[in-house]
Each structure stands twice: as C-alpha cells, then as structure tokens.
Amino acid sequence: MGSDNHQIVVPSLLDVRKGNMAEIGRLLGRHQFKKVVLFFGMGLTEMLGETVFASMKEAGIDVLETTEINDIDIDHVVDYAFQLPFQTEAVVGIGGGKALDAAKYTALLRKWPFISVPTSTSNDGFSSSNTSLTIHGRRISVHAKMPYGILIDIDVVKSAPECFIYSGVGDLVSKITAAEDWILEEKKGVTRVDDCALMISKKAVNSFVRTDFGTIRDDLFLKELVDSLTMAGISMEIAGNSAPTSGSEHLISHALDTFSAKPQLHGIQVGVATYLMSKVQDHRYERVTKVLQSTGFFTYAKSVGMTIADFDMAIDRAPEMKPMRHTYLHEEKYRELAHQILHDDPILQDILI
C-alpha cells in the first residue's frame, strides 16, 4: 500500500505583484509560448485588452483568437474548444470564474497548457484543477487541469468590487474548519489525511490570518490573500481531492446554492458557514471571528440579506450534498448543535434575518 505516491502538477509560472498585466507577453515569452488564444470575461476586453494586446505584440506573441466568455454551458465550451487553431500553444483565461472555467476546460480537452489570470479574488478556483460548468442547466464541478501559470496583477484585483475581496476572505478562512472535518473523517475510518496537503493548507490560512493591514485594499493584504488562495489550490492537487480546503462549511454553501431562493456569492456563504462550524467544532473560532470582524466581512455579509431559515435548511441538507464524506454535519448531534448555535449566537443573529 505504501507505494501510492502520485505525481502532482504545480504551476511553473507564478507571478503576483502590481502592474504585471502589462508584462503578460514577456512572462509568457519567458516560457517559450509564441501562439496563444485568449478567453476574457464579459467586458474585460474593453477594460484590459489594450494592455494585454500591446504586451503580447511587444513580446512577439501571436494572439490567434480572442473571445469573451459569458456562457459556460459544457456543450458550447466543447464546441468552441475544437474550433480553435491546432497551432495554439497555450490558453489564457483572463477574468472572474467563467472565463477561467471555460479556458481551463478547453486546455484539458485540447491538451494545451492553461494560464490563469484572475481579475478578482473571490475564491481559490483560479489556482485549482476544478472547473465549474453548466450541464443541463445546472452548475457542476468537473475535474480539469492545474494551471501551468498563474499571473495576478494586484492593481487589477484591487479595483474589483469589494464583494469579491470579501468572498475570497470567506473562502480562505474556511480552510480552518475544512481541516478539522478532514481530521474527523480519518478518525471515523472514512479516509486518510494527506499530511503534506494538510500542512500547506494550514500554512496558507495561518500566514493570511496573521497579516496586519489597514484596509482590505492594501497591497500587502491582497498579496497575502492571493498567495494563500494559490497555496490552497495546490493543497487540493496534492491531496487529489478538495478535502483540505472544503468541509462542512462548503456543504452548507452547496445546499444554499441548490435550494435557496436567493443564493449569494460562494465565499460570502462559506465565510458565514465557517464561523458557524468553527463554533460547532469548538475550534479556533476566536481567530475566525477576529478575521471576519476586522476585515469588515461580517458587516458586508449582513447587507446581503441571508436568512436563518435558509441556514437551518442548509444544515439539514448538507450531508446529502456529499454523502460519501463524513464531516461534522454528517453526524446528527453536530447538526443539532449547529441549529442551536445558529439560533443563539449574537453574531449570527445580527447577520442573518
């Protein structure tokens, strides 16, 4: 049994700093890419196109094809992927989730390297091999491939709406409760924790929660957030699954996505659920509270109008989101405790209606 070392893929190109969008051509050229296709998020060609095209031209890189992605229906993505020129050497996704998801899946289908250029920090998807596409009208997670490169311009993510920054904060603190769920799962004999993946996931979140900052738009704060989300994505690749970064708090969010009349941004739901689960697990909730309070996450979460009734529903439906797992919420006593905390906790009473 001991010989199951699996190969892991980590990004070869990793560049996180201010103003590097203008150097995208040079960075790709450094890795010998000469012919690329670009997937932009909606409206981003207008916003960033000039910078990107000028940089490619300067580096002597041919942009064979450019498209704006709004539709991530799997049939359309597949259709488009096989129309792209065979000379393509890399697929570059520039944008939020959809452009990256479509580019990532295209890269998998055509066996090309994928370059991830996120324009917001709303979750760790930009650094993971998971992609979310629409199949028969429902969002489904599909395993695609790890990015060959990740390029993040701090100035660009800084100008994204603050809801995306808060969403990234919520998605990152969730690694604290996810790790506890994973450890419980091994105790129950359901899985074996991968020590290396766990260490990286813990290091990622710890380095972030200890960062001093003035506001969430500080360069240092955003760089730490992005670096930590990147490491979280890599911890999933090492584990070969999403367990190091996604536990009971994510199951609550999945249930809200599936059954709530008005789901919110992934990381916002996950952040509130992480606070709840840290109290249920009786694990590091002081740290979780401090981060969510000091960043202004709680204040923002309060403004979106999530309901106690929805969270009650999501706690009960969480286990059926991933029946093969064994998180705290897969046990009835902890679901009961979660309901109790949901109805008694002053912070949750304040945020939820």
Protein backbone atom coordinates (compact mmCIF):
# COMPACT_ATOMS: atom_id res chain seq x y z
CA MET A 1 0.00 0.00 0.00
CA GLY A 2 2.87 2.36 0.68
CA SER A 3 3.78 2.93 -2.95
CA ASP A 4 0.92 5.23 -3.91
CA ASN A 5 2.98 8.40 -4.37
CA HIS A 6 1.11 10.26 -7.05
CA GLN A 7 2.54 12.86 -9.37
CA ILE A 8 1.44 16.36 -8.67
CA VAL A 9 1.43 19.31 -11.01
CA VAL A 10 2.31 22.72 -9.65
CA PRO A 11 2.31 25.97 -11.62
CA SER A 12 5.62 26.69 -13.39
CA LEU A 13 4.83 30.36 -13.93
CA LEU A 14 3.70 32.17 -10.79
CA ASP A 15 3.73 35.94 -10.74
CA VAL A 16 1.80 38.01 -8.20
CA ARG A 17 2.53 41.75 -7.97
CA LYS A 18 1.47 45.23 -9.00
CA GLY A 19 1.28 46.11 -12.68
CA ASN A 20 2.29 42.76 -14.16
CA MET A 21 -0.70 42.67 -16.55
CA ALA A 22 1.42 44.93 -18.78
CA GLU A 23 4.14 42.25 -18.74
CA ILE A 24 1.98 39.27 -19.66
CA GLY A 25 3.72 38.96 -23.04
CA ARG A 26 7.21 38.95 -21.53
CA LEU A 27 6.17 36.40 -18.88
CA LEU A 28 4.67 34.05 -21.47
CA GLY A 29 7.67 34.54 -23.75
CA ARG A 30 9.97 33.53 -20.92
CA HIS A 31 8.22 30.14 -21.05
CA GLN A 32 8.59 29.91 -24.84
CA PHE A 33 4.91 30.44 -25.67
CA LYS A 34 4.57 32.08 -29.09
CA LYS A 35 0.96 31.38 -30.14
CA VAL A 36 -1.91 31.76 -27.69
CA VAL A 37 -5.69 32.05 -27.52
CA LEU A 38 -7.32 34.44 -25.04
CA PHE A 39 -10.56 34.00 -23.11
CA PHE A 40 -11.75 37.24 -21.50
CA GLY A 41 -14.57 37.68 -19.01
CA MET A 42 -17.50 39.84 -20.14
CA GLY A 43 -16.49 43.47 -20.62
CA LEU A 44 -12.84 42.80 -19.88
CA THR A 45 -11.56 43.05 -23.44
CA GLU A 46 -12.53 46.71 -23.28
CA MET A 47 -11.01 47.17 -19.83
CA LEU A 48 -7.76 45.22 -20.17
CA GLY A 49 -7.47 44.32 -23.86
CA GLU A 50 -5.32 47.25 -24.87
CA THR A 51 -2.71 46.49 -22.19
CA VAL A 52 -2.72 42.76 -22.92
CA PHE A 53 -2.56 43.04 -26.72
CA ALA A 54 0.23 45.64 -26.60
CA SER A 55 2.24 43.44 -24.25
CA MET A 56 1.78 40.36 -26.48
CA LYS A 57 2.79 42.31 -29.56
CA GLU A 58 5.88 43.68 -27.89
CA ALA A 59 6.94 40.14 -26.90
CA GLY A 60 6.30 38.83 -30.42
CA ILE A 61 3.46 36.56 -29.34
CA ASP A 62 0.66 35.81 -31.83
CA VAL A 63 -2.85 36.01 -30.42
CA LEU A 64 -4.59 33.51 -32.69
CA GLU A 65 -8.08 34.01 -31.32
CA THR A 66 -9.87 36.10 -28.69
CA THR A 67 -13.30 35.53 -27.21
CA GLU A 68 -15.43 36.89 -24.38
CA ILE A 69 -16.99 34.21 -22.20
CA ASN A 70 -20.45 34.57 -20.75
CA ASP A 71 -21.84 31.13 -21.43
CA ILE A 72 -20.21 28.16 -19.71
CA ASP A 73 -22.59 25.51 -20.95
CA ILE A 74 -20.42 22.43 -21.43
CA ASP A 75 -21.66 21.79 -24.98
CA HIS A 76 -20.76 25.32 -26.09
CA VAL A 77 -17.37 25.16 -24.40
CA VAL A 78 -16.56 21.83 -26.09
CA ASP A 79 -17.83 23.11 -29.41
CA TYR A 80 -15.67 26.21 -29.27
CA ALA A 81 -12.62 24.32 -27.95
CA PHE A 82 -12.45 22.15 -31.05
CA GLN A 83 -12.73 25.13 -33.41
CA LEU A 84 -9.53 26.68 -32.07
CA PRO A 85 -6.40 26.54 -34.26
CA PHE A 86 -4.25 23.45 -33.75
CA GLN A 87 -1.09 25.63 -33.66
CA THR A 88 -2.21 27.04 -30.28
CA GLU A 89 0.44 26.63 -27.57
CA ALA A 90 -1.47 27.93 -24.54
CA VAL A 91 -4.95 29.02 -23.45
CA VAL A 92 -5.00 32.20 -21.38
CA GLY A 93 -8.09 32.89 -19.24
CA ILE A 94 -8.45 36.48 -18.04
CA GLY A 95 -11.35 37.29 -15.75
CA GLY A 96 -13.55 36.00 -12.97
CA GLY A 97 -14.80 32.46 -12.65
CA LYS A 98 -16.45 31.89 -16.03
CA ALA A 99 -13.55 32.86 -18.30
CA LEU A 100 -11.16 30.77 -16.20
CA ASP A 101 -13.53 27.78 -16.11
CA ALA A 102 -14.00 27.80 -19.88
CA ALA A 103 -10.27 28.27 -20.55
CA LYS A 104 -9.33 25.54 -18.06
CA TYR A 105 -11.71 23.03 -19.62
CA THR A 106 -10.62 23.95 -23.15
CA ALA A 107 -6.98 23.42 -22.13
CA LEU A 108 -7.90 19.97 -20.82
CA LEU A 109 -9.78 18.97 -23.98
CA ARG A 110 -7.05 20.13 -26.35
CA LYS A 111 -4.10 19.14 -24.09
CA TRP A 112 -2.71 22.66 -24.01
CA PRO A 113 -1.21 24.48 -21.01
CA PHE A 114 -3.66 26.79 -19.19
CA ILE A 115 -2.60 30.23 -17.95
CA SER A 116 -4.82 31.58 -15.18
CA VAL A 117 -5.15 35.38 -14.96
CA PRO A 118 -7.85 36.10 -12.35
CA THR A 119 -9.20 39.65 -12.12
CA SER A 120 -10.82 39.10 -8.73
CA THR A 121 -10.02 37.07 -5.64
CA SER A 122 -13.46 35.63 -4.93
CA ASN A 123 -12.27 32.03 -4.31
CA ASP A 124 -9.40 29.57 -4.80
CA GLY A 125 -10.69 28.35 -8.19
CA PHE A 126 -8.02 30.26 -10.12
CA SER A 127 -5.33 28.01 -8.66
CA SER A 128 -7.11 24.66 -8.60
CA SER A 129 -7.81 21.96 -11.15
CA ASN A 130 -11.56 22.14 -10.53
CA THR A 131 -13.80 23.87 -13.01
CA SER A 132 -17.47 24.67 -12.78
CA LEU A 133 -19.58 24.33 -15.93
CA THR A 134 -23.28 24.24 -16.72
CA ILE A 135 -24.57 20.78 -17.63
CA HIS A 136 -28.29 20.58 -18.47
CA GLY A 137 -28.79 23.97 -16.83
CA ARG A 138 -27.09 23.12 -13.51
CA ARG A 139 -23.64 24.18 -12.31
CA ILE A 140 -21.50 21.06 -11.92
CA SER A 141 -17.90 20.76 -10.74
CA VAL A 142 -15.71 18.99 -13.24
CA HIS A 143 -12.09 17.97 -12.72
CA ALA A 144 -9.96 19.73 -15.36
CA LYS A 145 -6.26 20.56 -15.01
CA MET A 146 -3.94 22.62 -12.84
CA PRO A 147 -2.85 25.93 -14.32
CA TYR A 148 0.60 25.87 -15.96
CA GLY A 149 0.82 29.52 -14.96
CA ILE A 150 -0.90 31.95 -12.57
CA LEU A 151 -0.48 35.65 -13.15
CA ILE A 152 -2.16 38.11 -10.81
CA ASP A 153 -1.94 41.87 -11.03
CA ILE A 154 -2.57 43.30 -7.54
CA ASP A 155 -3.73 46.60 -9.10
CA VAL A 156 -6.39 44.74 -11.08
CA VAL A 157 -7.76 42.65 -8.18
CA LYS A 158 -7.71 45.77 -6.01
CA SER A 159 -10.13 47.52 -8.38
CA ALA A 160 -12.62 44.62 -8.35
CA PRO A 161 -15.85 45.23 -6.39
CA GLU A 162 -15.29 44.67 -2.66
CA CYS A 163 -17.80 41.80 -2.57
CA PHE A 164 -15.19 39.71 -4.44
CA ILE A 165 -12.49 40.52 -1.91
CA TYR A 166 -14.83 39.58 0.96
CA SER A 167 -15.74 36.41 -0.89
CA GLY A 168 -12.04 35.48 -1.10
CA VAL A 169 -11.64 36.14 2.63
CA GLY A 170 -14.62 33.86 3.38
CA ASP A 171 -13.28 31.13 1.10
CA LEU A 172 -9.84 31.30 2.70
CA VAL A 173 -10.87 31.15 6.38
CA SER A 174 -12.93 28.06 5.51
CA LYS A 175 -9.68 26.08 5.37
CA ILE A 176 -9.65 26.24 9.20
CA THR A 177 -12.91 24.30 9.57
CA ALA A 178 -12.26 22.11 6.50
CA ALA A 179 -9.06 20.78 8.09
CA GLU A 180 -10.94 19.77 11.25
CA ASP A 181 -13.58 17.97 9.18
CA TRP A 182 -10.86 16.09 7.32
CA ILE A 183 -9.18 15.03 10.58
CA LEU A 184 -12.55 13.82 11.94
CA GLU A 185 -13.04 11.86 8.72
CA GLU A 186 -9.81 9.94 9.25
CA LYS A 187 -10.79 9.23 12.89
CA LYS A 188 -14.02 7.72 11.57
CA GLY A 189 -12.08 5.50 9.18
CA VAL A 190 -13.51 7.11 6.05
CA THR A 191 -10.27 8.43 4.58
CA ARG A 192 -6.61 9.05 5.23
CA VAL A 193 -5.43 12.62 5.67
CA ASP A 194 -2.57 13.61 3.38
CA ASP A 195 -0.12 15.25 5.80
CA CYS A 196 1.61 17.37 3.18
CA ALA A 197 -1.66 18.75 1.79
CA LEU A 198 -2.88 19.48 5.32
CA MET A 199 0.33 21.31 6.20
CA ILE A 200 0.18 23.51 3.10
CA SER A 201 -3.50 24.30 3.61
CA LYS A 202 -2.85 25.24 7.26
CA LYS A 203 0.23 27.33 6.38
CA ALA A 204 -1.78 29.16 3.73
CA VAL A 205 -4.54 30.23 6.07
CA ASN A 206 -2.23 30.95 9.04
CA SER A 207 0.01 33.25 7.07
CA PHE A 208 -3.06 35.18 5.94
CA VAL A 209 -4.87 35.46 9.28
CA ARG A 210 -1.73 36.87 10.91
CA THR A 211 -1.24 39.65 8.34
CA ASP A 212 -1.52 43.18 9.74
CA PHE A 213 -3.41 45.50 7.45
CA GLY A 214 -5.16 48.87 7.34
CA THR A 215 -7.89 48.13 4.81
CA ILE A 216 -8.77 45.20 2.58
CA ARG A 217 -7.47 47.13 -0.42
CA ASP A 218 -3.91 47.34 0.97
CA ASP A 219 -1.37 45.82 -1.43
CA LEU A 220 0.11 43.59 1.28
CA PHE A 221 -3.31 42.30 2.37
CA LEU A 222 -4.29 41.44 -1.20
CA LYS A 223 -0.95 39.81 -1.96
CA GLU A 224 -1.28 37.62 1.16
CA LEU A 225 -4.87 36.75 0.25
CA VAL A 226 -3.91 35.78 -3.30
CA ASP A 227 -0.80 33.84 -2.26
CA SER A 228 -2.80 31.92 0.34
CA LEU A 229 -5.64 31.09 -2.07
CA THR A 230 -2.97 29.87 -4.52
CA MET A 231 -1.45 27.58 -1.89
CA ALA A 232 -4.91 26.28 -1.01
CA GLY A 233 -5.43 25.32 -4.67
CA ILE A 234 -2.11 23.48 -4.66
CA SER A 235 -3.01 21.61 -1.44
CA MET A 236 -6.04 20.15 -3.27
CA GLU A 237 -3.79 18.98 -6.09
CA ILE A 238 -1.50 17.24 -3.57
CA ALA A 239 -4.43 15.56 -1.79
CA GLY A 240 -6.05 14.56 -5.07
CA ASN A 241 -9.37 15.91 -3.76
CA SER A 242 -10.91 19.03 -2.26
CA ALA A 243 -10.90 17.85 1.38
CA PRO A 244 -8.04 20.10 2.61
CA THR A 245 -9.95 23.20 1.57
CA SER A 246 -13.60 22.22 1.63
CA GLY A 247 -15.58 20.69 4.50
CA SER A 248 -18.93 21.09 6.22
CA GLU A 249 -18.91 24.86 5.62
CA HIS A 250 -18.81 24.23 1.87
CA LEU A 251 -21.63 21.69 2.12
CA ILE A 252 -23.80 24.39 3.72
CA SER A 253 -22.96 26.69 0.81
CA HIS A 254 -23.71 23.94 -1.76
CA ALA A 255 -27.10 23.38 -0.09
CA LEU A 256 -27.81 27.12 -0.24
CA ASP A 257 -26.83 27.16 -3.94
CA THR A 258 -29.13 24.25 -4.65
CA PHE A 259 -32.19 25.03 -2.54
CA SER A 260 -32.17 28.69 -1.50
CA ALA A 261 -34.35 31.10 -3.47
CA LYS A 262 -31.57 33.70 -3.40
CA PRO A 263 -28.04 32.23 -3.21
CA GLN A 264 -25.18 34.68 -2.61
CA LEU A 265 -21.55 34.68 -3.71
CA HIS A 266 -19.86 31.39 -2.82
CA GLY A 267 -17.26 32.89 -0.47
CA ILE A 268 -19.82 35.00 1.40
CA GLN A 269 -21.96 31.95 2.19
CA VAL A 270 -18.86 29.91 3.02
CA GLY A 271 -17.47 32.59 5.36
CA VAL A 272 -20.66 32.74 7.45
CA ALA A 273 -20.85 28.92 7.46
CA THR A 274 -17.18 28.76 8.57
CA TYR A 275 -17.94 30.96 11.56
CA LEU A 276 -20.88 28.70 12.47
CA MET A 277 -18.85 25.50 12.02
CA SER A 278 -15.86 26.82 14.00
CA LYS A 279 -18.26 27.19 16.94
CA VAL A 280 -19.73 23.71 16.32
CA GLN A 281 -16.23 22.18 16.17
CA ASP A 282 -15.14 24.34 19.10
CA HIS A 283 -12.00 25.03 17.06
CA ARG A 284 -10.20 28.37 16.57
CA TYR A 285 -13.44 30.34 16.50
CA GLU A 286 -11.73 33.32 18.19
CA ARG A 287 -9.34 33.56 15.23
CA VAL A 288 -12.13 33.13 12.67
CA THR A 289 -14.22 35.79 14.45
CA LYS A 290 -11.29 38.21 14.58
CA VAL A 291 -10.54 37.92 10.85
CA LEU A 292 -14.18 38.21 9.77
CA GLN A 293 -14.72 41.18 12.08
CA SER A 294 -11.53 43.12 11.37
CA THR A 295 -11.82 42.82 7.58
CA GLY A 296 -15.43 44.05 7.63
CA PHE A 297 -16.64 40.69 6.29
CA PHE A 298 -19.46 40.43 8.85
CA THR A 299 -20.66 43.96 8.07
CA TYR A 300 -20.75 43.13 4.37
CA ALA A 301 -22.43 39.74 4.93
CA LYS A 302 -25.17 41.46 6.93
CA SER A 303 -26.01 43.66 3.92
CA VAL A 304 -26.91 40.81 1.54
CA GLY A 305 -29.97 39.54 3.43
CA MET A 306 -29.27 35.85 4.05
CA THR A 307 -31.86 34.16 6.26
CA ILE A 308 -31.76 31.95 9.35
CA ALA A 309 -34.41 29.74 7.75
CA ASP A 310 -32.13 29.08 4.76
CA PHE A 311 -29.23 28.18 7.04
CA ASP A 312 -31.47 25.85 9.08
CA MET A 313 -32.39 24.13 5.82
CA ALA A 314 -28.77 24.01 4.63
CA ILE A 315 -27.53 22.41 7.87
CA ASP A 316 -30.03 19.57 7.43
CA ARG A 317 -29.32 19.09 3.73
CA ALA A 318 -25.52 19.40 3.99
CA PRO A 319 -24.81 15.65 4.30
CA GLU A 320 -26.69 14.81 1.11
CA MET A 321 -24.51 17.27 -0.84
CA LYS A 322 -21.60 14.82 -0.45
CA PRO A 323 -22.93 11.59 1.08
CA MET A 324 -19.58 9.81 0.71
CA ARG A 325 -17.86 12.20 3.11
CA HIS A 326 -18.01 12.27 6.90
CA THR A 327 -17.84 15.86 8.15
CA TYR A 328 -19.17 17.09 11.48
CA LEU A 329 -22.53 17.76 9.83
CA HIS A 330 -22.83 14.11 8.79
CA GLU A 331 -23.49 13.40 12.50
CA GLU A 332 -26.89 14.24 13.93
CA LYS A 333 -25.59 15.52 17.27
CA TYR A 334 -23.49 18.14 15.50
CA ARG A 335 -26.36 19.17 13.21
CA GLU A 336 -28.45 19.74 16.36
CA LEU A 337 -25.62 21.77 17.88
CA ALA A 338 -25.35 23.79 14.64
CA HIS A 339 -29.08 24.65 14.77
CA GLN A 340 -28.73 25.67 18.41
CA ILE A 341 -25.73 27.94 17.73
CA LEU A 342 -27.47 29.39 14.67
CA HIS A 343 -30.39 30.49 16.86
CA ASP A 344 -28.41 31.58 19.94
CA ASP A 345 -25.25 33.17 18.63
CA PRO A 346 -25.37 37.01 18.75
CA ILE A 347 -23.18 37.47 15.65
CA LEU A 348 -25.31 35.12 13.51
CA GLN A 349 -28.47 36.71 14.88
CA ASP A 350 -27.12 40.07 13.76
CA ILE A 351 -26.01 38.98 10.26
CA LEU A 352 -28.95 36.77 9.26
CA ILE A 353 -32.57 37.77 9.03
